[in-house]
């Protein structure tokens, strides 16, 4: 959750917005983090989960991070039998959804 929220803040516009929601559905819990950042082309969605990959030509370490945040999120979710998906928002920015099974 920390990586998702930090990314949403870091890759946002000045005075942009970040939304964090959680809910439980059947046997899954869901975490959704969305922001109002730059437009993200749909064809770039899978690439943002690759280690050291960032959009908009920013590929080396900078004040925007090292490009590991979303790849770490995916590895952790999958280790817990969950999934991570991203979709671009029409207004700019992304919506990232993490689904994890409920542990009994």
PDB file of N, CA and C in Angstrom:
ATOM      1  N   UNK A   1       0.832  -1.189   0.000  1.00  0.00           N
ATOM      2  CA  UNK A   1       0.000   0.000   0.000  1.00  0.00           C
ATOM      3  C   UNK A   1       0.877   1.254   0.000  1.00  0.00           C
ATOM      4  N   UNK A   2       1.951   1.215   0.759  1.00  0.00           N
ATOM      5  CA  UNK A   2       2.830   2.379   0.834  1.00  0.00           C
ATOM      6  C   UNK A   2       3.411   2.722  -0.536  1.00  0.00           C
ATOM      7  N   UNK A   3       3.886   1.727  -1.278  1.00  0.00           N
ATOM      8  CA  UNK A   3       4.440   1.996  -2.605  1.00  0.00           C
ATOM      9  C   UNK A   3       3.398   2.612  -3.533  1.00  0.00           C
ATOM     10  N   UNK A   4       2.174   2.112  -3.488  1.00  0.00           N
ATOM     11  CA  UNK A   4       1.129   2.637  -4.358  1.00  0.00           C
ATOM     12  C   UNK A   4       0.789   4.088  -4.037  1.00  0.00           C
ATOM     13  N   UNK A   5       0.646   4.390  -2.759  1.00  0.00           N
ATOM     14  CA  UNK A   5       0.302   5.763  -2.364  1.00  0.00           C
ATOM     15  C   UNK A   5       1.458   6.713  -2.671  1.00  0.00           C
ATOM     16  N   UNK A   6       2.688   6.291  -2.372  1.00  0.00           N
ATOM     17  CA  UNK A   6       3.843   7.141  -2.683  1.00  0.00           C
ATOM     18  C   UNK A   6       3.947   7.401  -4.182  1.00  0.00           C
ATOM     19  N   UNK A   7       3.737   6.368  -5.009  1.00  0.00           N
ATOM     20  CA  UNK A   7       3.759   6.565  -6.463  1.00  0.00           C
ATOM     21  C   UNK A   7       2.660   7.518  -6.918  1.00  0.00           C
ATOM     22  N   UNK A   8       1.469   7.354  -6.367  1.00  0.00           N
ATOM     23  CA  UNK A   8       0.349   8.209  -6.756  1.00  0.00           C
ATOM     24  C   UNK A   8       0.628   9.674  -6.432  1.00  0.00           C
ATOM     25  N   UNK A   9       1.310   9.917  -5.332  1.00  0.00           N
ATOM     26  CA  UNK A   9       1.667  11.287  -4.953  1.00  0.00           C
ATOM     27  C   UNK A   9       2.815  11.791  -5.829  1.00  0.00           C
ATOM     28  N   UNK A  10       3.848  10.999  -5.968  1.00  0.00           N
ATOM     29  CA  UNK A  10       5.053  11.394  -6.716  1.00  0.00           C
ATOM     30  C   UNK A  10       4.755  11.672  -8.189  1.00  0.00           C
ATOM     31  N   UNK A  11       3.879  10.871  -8.785  1.00  0.00           N
ATOM     32  CA  UNK A  11       3.582  10.983 -10.220  1.00  0.00           C
ATOM     33  C   UNK A  11       2.247  11.677 -10.443  1.00  0.00           C
ATOM     34  N   UNK A  12       2.081  12.787  -9.768  1.00  0.00           N
ATOM     35  CA  UNK A  12       0.835  13.540  -9.828  1.00  0.00           C
ATOM     36  C   UNK A  12       1.141  14.975 -10.206  1.00  0.00           C
ATOM     37  N   UNK A  13       0.112  15.724 -10.501  1.00  0.00           N
ATOM     38  CA  UNK A  13       0.250  17.154 -10.761  1.00  0.00           C
ATOM     39  C   UNK A  13       0.329  17.910  -9.437  1.00  0.00           C
ATOM     40  N   UNK A  14       0.923  19.082  -9.464  1.00  0.00           N
ATOM     41  CA  UNK A  14       0.871  19.970  -8.302  1.00  0.00           C
ATOM     42  C   UNK A  14      -0.609  20.246  -8.026  1.00  0.00           C
ATOM     43  N   UNK A  15      -1.004  20.145  -6.789  1.00  0.00           N
ATOM     44  CA  UNK A  15      -2.401  20.305  -6.364  1.00  0.00           C
ATOM     45  C   UNK A  15      -3.320  19.241  -6.968  1.00  0.00           C
ATOM     46  N   UNK A  16      -2.719  18.105  -7.402  1.00  0.00           N
ATOM     47  CA  UNK A  16      -3.519  17.005  -7.911  1.00  0.00           C
ATOM     48  C   UNK A  16      -4.201  16.272  -6.769  1.00  0.00           C
ATOM     49  N   UNK A  17      -4.938  15.249  -7.115  1.00  0.00           N
ATOM     50  CA  UNK A  17      -5.665  14.474  -6.112  1.00  0.00           C
ATOM     51  C   UNK A  17      -5.246  13.009  -6.161  1.00  0.00           C
ATOM     52  N   UNK A  18      -5.340  12.351  -5.005  1.00  0.00           N
ATOM     53  CA  UNK A  18      -5.095  10.917  -4.860  1.00  0.00           C
ATOM     54  C   UNK A  18      -6.276  10.347  -4.087  1.00  0.00           C
ATOM     55  N   UNK A  19      -6.794   9.224  -4.560  1.00  0.00           N
ATOM     56  CA  UNK A  19      -7.892   8.551  -3.867  1.00  0.00           C
ATOM     57  C   UNK A  19      -7.451   7.154  -3.485  1.00  0.00           C
ATOM     58  N   UNK A  20      -7.758   6.734  -2.270  1.00  0.00           N
ATOM     59  CA  UNK A  20      -7.451   5.387  -1.788  1.00  0.00           C
ATOM     60  C   UNK A  20      -8.751   4.799  -1.258  1.00  0.00           C
ATOM     61  N   UNK A  21      -9.121   3.647  -1.783  1.00  0.00           N
ATOM     62  CA  UNK A  21     -10.329   2.980  -1.305  1.00  0.00           C
ATOM     63  C   UNK A  21     -10.020   1.508  -1.050  1.00  0.00           C
ATOM     64  N   UNK A  22     -10.734   0.944  -0.104  1.00  0.00           N
ATOM     65  CA  UNK A  22     -10.621  -0.484   0.190  1.00  0.00           C
ATOM     66  C   UNK A  22     -12.024  -1.046   0.333  1.00  0.00           C
ATOM     67  N   UNK A  23     -12.138  -2.340   0.052  1.00  0.00           N
ATOM     68  CA  UNK A  23     -13.406  -3.025   0.290  1.00  0.00           C
ATOM     69  C   UNK A  23     -13.174  -4.523   0.255  1.00  0.00           C
ATOM     70  N   UNK A  24     -14.128  -5.241   0.812  1.00  0.00           N
ATOM     71  CA  UNK A  24     -14.086  -6.693   0.747  1.00  0.00           C
ATOM     72  C   UNK A  24     -15.236  -7.150  -0.127  1.00  0.00           C
ATOM     73  N   UNK A  25     -14.915  -8.032  -1.073  1.00  0.00           N
ATOM     74  CA  UNK A  25     -15.923  -8.618  -1.953  1.00  0.00           C
ATOM     75  C   UNK A  25     -15.758 -10.126  -1.907  1.00  0.00           C
ATOM     76  N   UNK A  26     -16.784 -10.811  -1.468  1.00  0.00           N
ATOM     77  CA  UNK A  26     -16.755 -12.275  -1.374  1.00  0.00           C
ATOM     78  C   UNK A  26     -15.495 -12.720  -0.641  1.00  0.00           C
ATOM     79  N   UNK A  27     -14.626 -13.428  -1.327  1.00  0.00           N
ATOM     80  CA  UNK A  27     -13.416 -13.961  -0.702  1.00  0.00           C
ATOM     81  C   UNK A  27     -12.173 -13.150  -1.042  1.00  0.00           C
ATOM     82  N   UNK A  28     -12.364 -11.893  -1.431  1.00  0.00           N
ATOM     83  CA  UNK A  28     -11.227 -11.043  -1.783  1.00  0.00           C
ATOM     84  C   UNK A  28     -11.327  -9.692  -1.097  1.00  0.00           C
ATOM     85  N   UNK A  29     -10.155  -9.119  -0.835  1.00  0.00           N
ATOM     86  CA  UNK A  29     -10.095  -7.723  -0.415  1.00  0.00           C
ATOM     87  C   UNK A  29      -9.498  -6.948  -1.575  1.00  0.00           C
ATOM     88  N   UNK A  30      -9.916  -5.708  -1.698  1.00  0.00           N
ATOM     89  CA  UNK A  30      -9.496  -4.889  -2.830  1.00  0.00           C
ATOM     90  C   UNK A  30      -8.972  -3.556  -2.329  1.00  0.00           C
ATOM     91  N   UNK A  31      -7.847  -3.138  -2.868  1.00  0.00           N
ATOM     92  CA  UNK A  31      -7.261  -1.830  -2.607  1.00  0.00           C
ATOM     93  C   UNK A  31      -7.175  -1.119  -3.944  1.00  0.00           C
ATOM     94  N   UNK A  32      -7.730   0.089  -4.019  1.00  0.00           N
ATOM     95  CA  UNK A  32      -7.675   0.876  -5.250  1.00  0.00           C
ATOM     96  C   UNK A  32      -7.029   2.210  -4.928  1.00  0.00           C
ATOM     97  N   UNK A  33      -5.991   2.563  -5.701  1.00  0.00           N
ATOM     98  CA  UNK A  33      -5.310   3.852  -5.562  1.00  0.00           C
ATOM     99  C   UNK A  33      -5.349   4.516  -6.928  1.00  0.00           C
ATOM    100  N   UNK A  34      -5.848   5.751  -6.973  1.00  0.00           N
ATOM    101  CA  UNK A  34      -5.948   6.489  -8.226  1.00  0.00           C
ATOM    102  C   UNK A  34      -5.392   7.894  -8.032  1.00  0.00           C
ATOM    103  N   UNK A  35      -4.943   8.489  -9.144  1.00  0.00           N
ATOM    104  CA  UNK A  35      -4.444   9.861  -9.063  1.00  0.00           C
ATOM    105  C   UNK A  35      -4.809  10.649 -10.318  1.00  0.00           C
ATOM    106  N   UNK A  36      -4.434  11.920 -10.313  1.00  0.00           N
ATOM    107  CA  UNK A  36      -4.738  12.835 -11.415  1.00  0.00           C
ATOM    108  C   UNK A  36      -3.480  13.221 -12.183  1.00  0.00           C
ATOM    109  N   UNK A  37      -2.546  12.312 -12.337  1.00  0.00           N
ATOM    110  CA  UNK A  37      -1.273  12.603 -12.993  1.00  0.00           C
ATOM    111  C   UNK A  37      -1.385  12.751 -14.501  1.00  0.00           C
ATOM    112  N   UNK A  38      -0.240  12.602 -15.167  1.00  0.00           N
ATOM    113  CA  UNK A  38      -0.161  12.728 -16.613  1.00  0.00           C
ATOM    114  C   UNK A  38      -0.947  11.626 -17.311  1.00  0.00           C
ATOM    115  N   UNK A  39      -1.323  11.872 -18.562  1.00  0.00           N
ATOM    116  CA  UNK A  39      -1.980  10.851 -19.378  1.00  0.00           C
ATOM    117  C   UNK A  39      -1.039   9.669 -19.556  1.00  0.00           C
ATOM    118  N   UNK A  40      -1.570   8.472 -19.455  1.00  0.00           N
ATOM    119  CA  UNK A  40      -0.791   7.252 -19.665  1.00  0.00           C
ATOM    120  C   UNK A  40      -1.434   6.493 -20.825  1.00  0.00           C
ATOM    121  N   UNK A  41      -0.683   6.298 -21.907  1.00  0.00           N
ATOM    122  CA  UNK A  41      -1.245   5.545 -23.033  1.00  0.00           C
ATOM    123  C   UNK A  41      -1.529   4.096 -22.625  1.00  0.00           C
ATOM    124  N   UNK A  42      -2.643   3.535 -23.068  1.00  0.00           N
ATOM    125  CA  UNK A  42      -2.974   2.154 -22.701  1.00  0.00           C
ATOM    126  C   UNK A  42      -1.877   1.152 -23.047  1.00  0.00           C
ATOM    127  N   UNK A  43      -1.146   1.372 -24.139  1.00  0.00           N
ATOM    128  CA  UNK A  43      -0.103   0.430 -24.532  1.00  0.00           C
ATOM    129  C   UNK A  43       1.098   0.455 -23.581  1.00  0.00           C
ATOM    130  N   UNK A  44       1.184   1.440 -22.677  1.00  0.00           N
ATOM    131  CA  UNK A  44       2.282   1.525 -21.716  1.00  0.00           C
ATOM    132  C   UNK A  44       1.960   0.849 -20.384  1.00  0.00           C
ATOM    133  N   UNK A  45       0.732   0.413 -20.196  1.00  0.00           N
ATOM    134  CA  UNK A  45       0.304  -0.089 -18.890  1.00  0.00           C
ATOM    135  C   UNK A  45       1.170  -1.249 -18.394  1.00  0.00           C
ATOM    136  N   UNK A  46       1.374  -2.284 -19.195  1.00  0.00           N
ATOM    137  CA  UNK A  46       2.164  -3.420 -18.713  1.00  0.00           C
ATOM    138  C   UNK A  46       3.609  -3.025 -18.449  1.00  0.00           C
ATOM    139  N   UNK A  47       4.143  -2.095 -19.223  1.00  0.00           N
ATOM    140  CA  UNK A  47       5.544  -1.684 -19.066  1.00  0.00           C
ATOM    141  C   UNK A  47       5.814  -1.031 -17.716  1.00  0.00           C
ATOM    142  N   UNK A  48       4.818  -0.373 -17.119  1.00  0.00           N
ATOM    143  CA  UNK A  48       5.067   0.311 -15.843  1.00  0.00           C
ATOM    144  C   UNK A  48       5.300  -0.664 -14.699  1.00  0.00           C
ATOM    145  N   UNK A  49       4.998  -1.940 -14.904  1.00  0.00           N
ATOM    146  CA  UNK A  49       5.247  -2.954 -13.887  1.00  0.00           C
ATOM    147  C   UNK A  49       6.635  -3.587 -14.024  1.00  0.00           C
ATOM    148  N   UNK A  50       7.384  -3.197 -15.058  1.00  0.00           N
ATOM    149  CA  UNK A  50       8.733  -3.720 -15.251  1.00  0.00           C
ATOM    150  C   UNK A  50       9.711  -2.974 -14.343  1.00  0.00           C
ATOM    151  N   UNK A  51      10.686  -3.688 -13.761  1.00  0.00           N
ATOM    152  CA  UNK A  51      11.668  -3.014 -12.900  1.00  0.00           C
ATOM    153  C   UNK A  51      12.418  -1.911 -13.652  1.00  0.00           C
ATOM    154  N   UNK A  52      12.650  -0.821 -12.966  1.00  0.00           N
ATOM    155  CA  UNK A  52      13.403   0.339 -13.457  1.00  0.00           C
ATOM    156  C   UNK A  52      12.731   1.044 -14.628  1.00  0.00           C
ATOM    157  N   UNK A  53      11.466   0.811 -14.834  1.00  0.00           N
ATOM    158  CA  UNK A  53      10.759   1.418 -15.965  1.00  0.00           C
ATOM    159  C   UNK A  53       9.853   2.531 -15.462  1.00  0.00           C
ATOM    160  N   UNK A  54      10.001   3.691 -16.053  1.00  0.00           N
ATOM    161  CA  UNK A  54       9.112   4.815 -15.777  1.00  0.00           C
ATOM    162  C   UNK A  54       8.702   5.422 -17.092  1.00  0.00           C
ATOM    163  N   UNK A  55       7.611   6.133 -17.103  1.00  0.00           N
ATOM    164  CA  UNK A  55       7.095   6.738 -18.324  1.00  0.00           C
ATOM    165  C   UNK A  55       7.703   8.108 -18.575  1.00  0.00           C
ATOM    166  N   UNK A  56       7.405   8.639 -19.721  1.00  0.00           N
ATOM    167  CA  UNK A  56       7.754  10.012 -20.092  1.00  0.00           C
ATOM    168  C   UNK A  56       9.259  10.248 -20.123  1.00  0.00           C
ATOM    169  N   UNK A  57      10.026   9.235 -20.564  1.00  0.00           N
ATOM    170  CA  UNK A  57      11.461   9.382 -20.769  1.00  0.00           C
ATOM    171  C   UNK A  57      12.300   9.445 -19.517  1.00  0.00           C
ATOM    172  N   UNK A  58      11.720   9.261 -18.373  1.00  0.00           N
ATOM    173  CA  UNK A  58      12.434   9.360 -17.099  1.00  0.00           C
ATOM    174  C   UNK A  58      12.856   7.955 -16.679  1.00  0.00           C
ATOM    175  N   UNK A  59      14.012   7.472 -17.167  1.00  0.00           N
ATOM    176  CA  UNK A  59      14.379   6.081 -16.942  1.00  0.00           C
ATOM    177  C   UNK A  59      15.476   5.890 -15.910  1.00  0.00           C
ATOM    178  N   UNK A  60      16.255   6.893 -15.607  1.00  0.00           N
ATOM    179  CA  UNK A  60      17.314   6.742 -14.616  1.00  0.00           C
ATOM    180  C   UNK A  60      16.857   7.274 -13.279  1.00  0.00           C
ATOM    181  N   UNK A  61      17.537   6.879 -12.233  1.00  0.00           N
ATOM    182  CA  UNK A  61      17.158   7.322 -10.888  1.00  0.00           C
ATOM    183  C   UNK A  61      17.081   8.838 -10.839  1.00  0.00           C
ATOM    184  N   UNK A  62      16.034   9.336 -10.214  1.00  0.00           N
ATOM    185  CA  UNK A  62      15.830  10.769 -10.088  1.00  0.00           C
ATOM    186  C   UNK A  62      15.014  11.022  -8.835  1.00  0.00           C
ATOM    187  N   UNK A  63      14.571  12.264  -8.659  1.00  0.00           N
ATOM    188  CA  UNK A  63      13.720  12.560  -7.506  1.00  0.00           C
ATOM    189  C   UNK A  63      12.364  11.876  -7.629  1.00  0.00           C
ATOM    190  N   UNK A  64      12.087  11.269  -8.782  1.00  0.00           N
ATOM    191  CA  UNK A  64      10.830  10.554  -8.983  1.00  0.00           C
ATOM    192  C   UNK A  64      10.966   9.078  -8.657  1.00  0.00           C
ATOM    193  N   UNK A  65      12.100   8.655  -8.081  1.00  0.00           N
ATOM    194  CA  UNK A  65      12.274   7.275  -7.662  1.00  0.00           C
ATOM    195  C   UNK A  65      13.120   6.479  -8.627  1.00  0.00           C
ATOM    196  N   UNK A  66      13.235   5.177  -8.341  1.00  0.00           N
ATOM    197  CA  UNK A  66      14.098   4.319  -9.145  1.00  0.00           C
ATOM    198  C   UNK A  66      13.329   3.453 -10.134  1.00  0.00           C
ATOM    199  N   UNK A  67      12.003   3.534 -10.142  1.00  0.00           N
ATOM    200  CA  UNK A  67      11.224   2.726 -11.070  1.00  0.00           C
ATOM    201  C   UNK A  67      10.963   1.315 -10.590  1.00  0.00           C
ATOM    202  N   UNK A  68      11.062   1.088  -9.288  1.00  0.00           N
ATOM    203  CA  UNK A  68      10.824  -0.251  -8.741  1.00  0.00           C
ATOM    204  C   UNK A  68       9.471  -0.395  -8.053  1.00  0.00           C
ATOM    205  N   UNK A  69       8.812   0.700  -7.733  1.00  0.00           N
ATOM    206  CA  UNK A  69       7.600   0.662  -6.910  1.00  0.00           C
ATOM    207  C   UNK A  69       6.540  -0.303  -7.382  1.00  0.00           C
ATOM    208  N   UNK A  70       6.100  -0.182  -8.640  1.00  0.00           N
ATOM    209  CA  UNK A  70       5.021  -1.034  -9.114  1.00  0.00           C
ATOM    210  C   UNK A  70       5.468  -2.467  -9.353  1.00  0.00           C
ATOM    211  N   UNK A  71       6.727  -2.673  -9.705  1.00  0.00           N
ATOM    212  CA  UNK A  71       7.195  -4.058  -9.859  1.00  0.00           C
ATOM    213  C   UNK A  71       7.220  -4.761  -8.503  1.00  0.00           C
ATOM    214  N   UNK A  72       7.584  -4.043  -7.453  1.00  0.00           N
ATOM    215  CA  UNK A  72       7.560  -4.605  -6.097  1.00  0.00           C
ATOM    216  C   UNK A  72       6.125  -4.906  -5.676  1.00  0.00           C
ATOM    217  N   UNK A  73       5.212  -4.002  -5.962  1.00  0.00           N
ATOM    218  CA  UNK A  73       3.801  -4.225  -5.630  1.00  0.00           C
ATOM    219  C   UNK A  73       3.302  -5.502  -6.297  1.00  0.00           C
ATOM    220  N   UNK A  74       3.620  -5.675  -7.574  1.00  0.00           N
ATOM    221  CA  UNK A  74       3.154  -6.869  -8.290  1.00  0.00           C
ATOM    222  C   UNK A  74       3.737  -8.143  -7.690  1.00  0.00           C
ATOM    223  N   UNK A  75       5.030  -8.162  -7.398  1.00  0.00           N
ATOM    224  CA  UNK A  75       5.670  -9.360  -6.837  1.00  0.00           C
ATOM    225  C   UNK A  75       5.051  -9.715  -5.481  1.00  0.00           C
ATOM    226  N   UNK A  76       4.824  -8.710  -4.637  1.00  0.00           N
ATOM    227  CA  UNK A  76       4.228  -8.972  -3.318  1.00  0.00           C
ATOM    228  C   UNK A  76       2.795  -9.484  -3.458  1.00  0.00           C
ATOM    229  N   UNK A  77       2.013  -8.854  -4.334  1.00  0.00           N
ATOM    230  CA  UNK A  77       0.628  -9.313  -4.524  1.00  0.00           C
ATOM    231  C   UNK A  77       0.605 -10.753  -5.025  1.00  0.00           C
ATOM    232  N   UNK A  78       1.434 -11.068  -6.005  1.00  0.00           N
ATOM    233  CA  UNK A  78       1.454 -12.429  -6.548  1.00  0.00           C
ATOM    234  C   UNK A  78       1.941 -13.443  -5.516  1.00  0.00           C
ATOM    235  N   UNK A  79       2.870 -13.046  -4.652  1.00  0.00           N
ATOM    236  CA  UNK A  79       3.349 -13.936  -3.592  1.00  0.00           C
ATOM    237  C   UNK A  79       2.227 -14.290  -2.617  1.00  0.00           C
ATOM    238  N   UNK A  80       1.223 -13.431  -2.533  1.00  0.00           N
ATOM    239  CA  UNK A  80       0.074 -13.664  -1.655  1.00  0.00           C
ATOM    240  C   UNK A  80      -1.152 -14.121  -2.452  1.00  0.00           C
ATOM    241  N   UNK A  81      -0.903 -14.669  -3.651  1.00  0.00           N
ATOM    242  CA  UNK A  81      -1.955 -15.207  -4.520  1.00  0.00           C
ATOM    243  C   UNK A  81      -2.948 -14.129  -4.954  1.00  0.00           C
ATOM    244  N   UNK A  82      -2.451 -12.918  -5.143  1.00  0.00           N
ATOM    245  CA  UNK A  82      -3.290 -11.813  -5.577  1.00  0.00           C
ATOM    246  C   UNK A  82      -2.908 -11.314  -6.953  1.00  0.00           C
ATOM    247  N   UNK A  83      -3.567 -10.238  -7.353  1.00  0.00           N
ATOM    248  CA  UNK A  83      -3.316  -9.640  -8.660  1.00  0.00           C
ATOM    249  C   UNK A  83      -3.206  -8.121  -8.519  1.00  0.00           C
ATOM    250  N   UNK A  84      -2.549  -7.521  -9.504  1.00  0.00           N
ATOM    251  CA  UNK A  84      -2.464  -6.072  -9.603  1.00  0.00           C
ATOM    252  C   UNK A  84      -2.795  -5.700 -11.039  1.00  0.00           C
ATOM    253  N   UNK A  85      -3.647  -4.712 -11.206  1.00  0.00           N
ATOM    254  CA  UNK A  85      -4.001  -4.236 -12.543  1.00  0.00           C
ATOM    255  C   UNK A  85      -3.994  -2.715 -12.540  1.00  0.00           C
ATOM    256  N   UNK A  86      -3.662  -2.150 -13.676  1.00  0.00           N
ATOM    257  CA  UNK A  86      -3.663  -0.693 -13.824  1.00  0.00           C
ATOM    258  C   UNK A  86      -4.504  -0.328 -15.039  1.00  0.00           C
ATOM    259  N   UNK A  87      -5.124   0.819 -14.960  1.00  0.00           N
ATOM    260  CA  UNK A  87      -5.829   1.345 -16.132  1.00  0.00           C
ATOM    261  C   UNK A  87      -5.694   2.857 -16.119  1.00  0.00           C
ATOM    262  N   UNK A  88      -5.531   3.439 -17.298  1.00  0.00           N
ATOM    263  CA  UNK A  88      -5.422   4.893 -17.366  1.00  0.00           C
ATOM    264  C   UNK A  88      -6.773   5.542 -17.094  1.00  0.00           C
ATOM    265  N   UNK A  89      -6.732   6.700 -16.454  1.00  0.00           N
ATOM    266  CA  UNK A  89      -7.939   7.504 -16.262  1.00  0.00           C
ATOM    267  C   UNK A  89      -8.069   8.447 -17.455  1.00  0.00           C
ATOM    268  N   UNK A  90      -9.264   8.633 -17.957  1.00  0.00           N
ATOM    269  CA  UNK A  90      -9.482   9.529 -19.100  1.00  0.00           C
ATOM    270  C   UNK A  90      -8.973  10.941 -18.816  1.00  0.00           C
ATOM    271  N   UNK A  91      -9.096  11.372 -17.573  1.00  0.00           N
ATOM    272  CA  UNK A  91      -8.704  12.729 -17.187  1.00  0.00           C
ATOM    273  C   UNK A  91      -7.207  12.846 -16.937  1.00  0.00           C
ATOM    274  N   UNK A  92      -6.485  11.740 -17.013  1.00  0.00           N
ATOM    275  CA  UNK A  92      -5.056  11.703 -16.700  1.00  0.00           C
ATOM    276  C   UNK A  92      -4.831  10.944 -15.416  1.00  0.00           C
ATOM    277  N   UNK A  93      -3.661  10.384 -15.288  1.00  0.00           N
ATOM    278  CA  UNK A  93      -3.340   9.587 -14.121  1.00  0.00           C
ATOM    279  C   UNK A  93      -3.734   8.132 -14.316  1.00  0.00           C
ATOM    280  N   UNK A  94      -3.637   7.389 -13.244  1.00  0.00           N
ATOM    281  CA  UNK A  94      -3.899   5.955 -13.273  1.00  0.00           C
ATOM    282  C   UNK A  94      -4.820   5.532 -12.150  1.00  0.00           C
ATOM    283  N   UNK A  95      -5.440   4.389 -12.342  1.00  0.00           N
ATOM    284  CA  UNK A  95      -6.123   3.672 -11.276  1.00  0.00           C
ATOM    285  C   UNK A  95      -5.446   2.317 -11.163  1.00  0.00           C
ATOM    286  N   UNK A  96      -4.909   2.017  -9.980  1.00  0.00           N
ATOM    287  CA  UNK A  96      -4.245   0.736  -9.721  1.00  0.00           C
ATOM    288  C   UNK A  96      -5.120  -0.042  -8.752  1.00  0.00           C
ATOM    289  N   UNK A  97      -5.429  -1.284  -9.107  1.00  0.00           N
ATOM    290  CA  UNK A  97      -6.272  -2.139  -8.268  1.00  0.00           C
ATOM    291  C   UNK A  97      -5.487  -3.382  -7.854  1.00  0.00           C
ATOM    292  N   UNK A  98      -5.437  -3.614  -6.548  1.00  0.00           N
ATOM    293  CA  UNK A  98      -4.809  -4.809  -5.991  1.00  0.00           C
ATOM    294  C   UNK A  98      -5.913  -5.648  -5.379  1.00  0.00           C
ATOM    295  N   UNK A  99      -5.968  -6.909  -5.765  1.00  0.00           N
ATOM    296  CA  UNK A  99      -6.923  -7.847  -5.177  1.00  0.00           C
ATOM    297  C   UNK A  99      -6.148  -8.976  -4.515  1.00  0.00           C
ATOM    298  N   UNK A 100      -6.522  -9.257  -3.265  1.00  0.00           N
ATOM    299  CA  UNK A 100      -5.882 -10.311  -2.487  1.00  0.00           C
ATOM    300  C   UNK A 100      -6.947 -11.212  -1.886  1.00  0.00           C
ATOM    301  N   UNK A 101      -6.648 -12.512  -1.774  1.00  0.00           N
ATOM    302  CA  UNK A 101      -7.628 -13.391  -1.138  1.00  0.00           C
ATOM    303  C   UNK A 101      -7.722 -13.096   0.356  1.00  0.00           C
ATOM    304  N   UNK A 102      -8.923 -13.277   0.888  1.00  0.00           N
ATOM    305  CA  UNK A 102      -9.138 -13.123   2.328  1.00  0.00           C
ATOM    306  C   UNK A 102      -8.516 -14.327   3.022  1.00  0.00           C
ATOM    307  N   UNK A 103      -7.734 -14.081   4.032  1.00  0.00           N
ATOM    308  CA  UNK A 103      -7.124 -15.176   4.794  1.00  0.00           C
ATOM    309  C   UNK A 103      -8.034 -15.511   5.975  1.00  0.00           C
ATOM    310  N   UNK A 104      -8.303 -16.783   6.176  1.00  0.00           N
ATOM    311  CA  UNK A 104      -9.168 -17.213   7.298  1.00  0.00           C
ATOM    312  C   UNK A 104      -8.340 -17.739   8.424  1.00  0.00           C
TER     313      UNK A 104
END
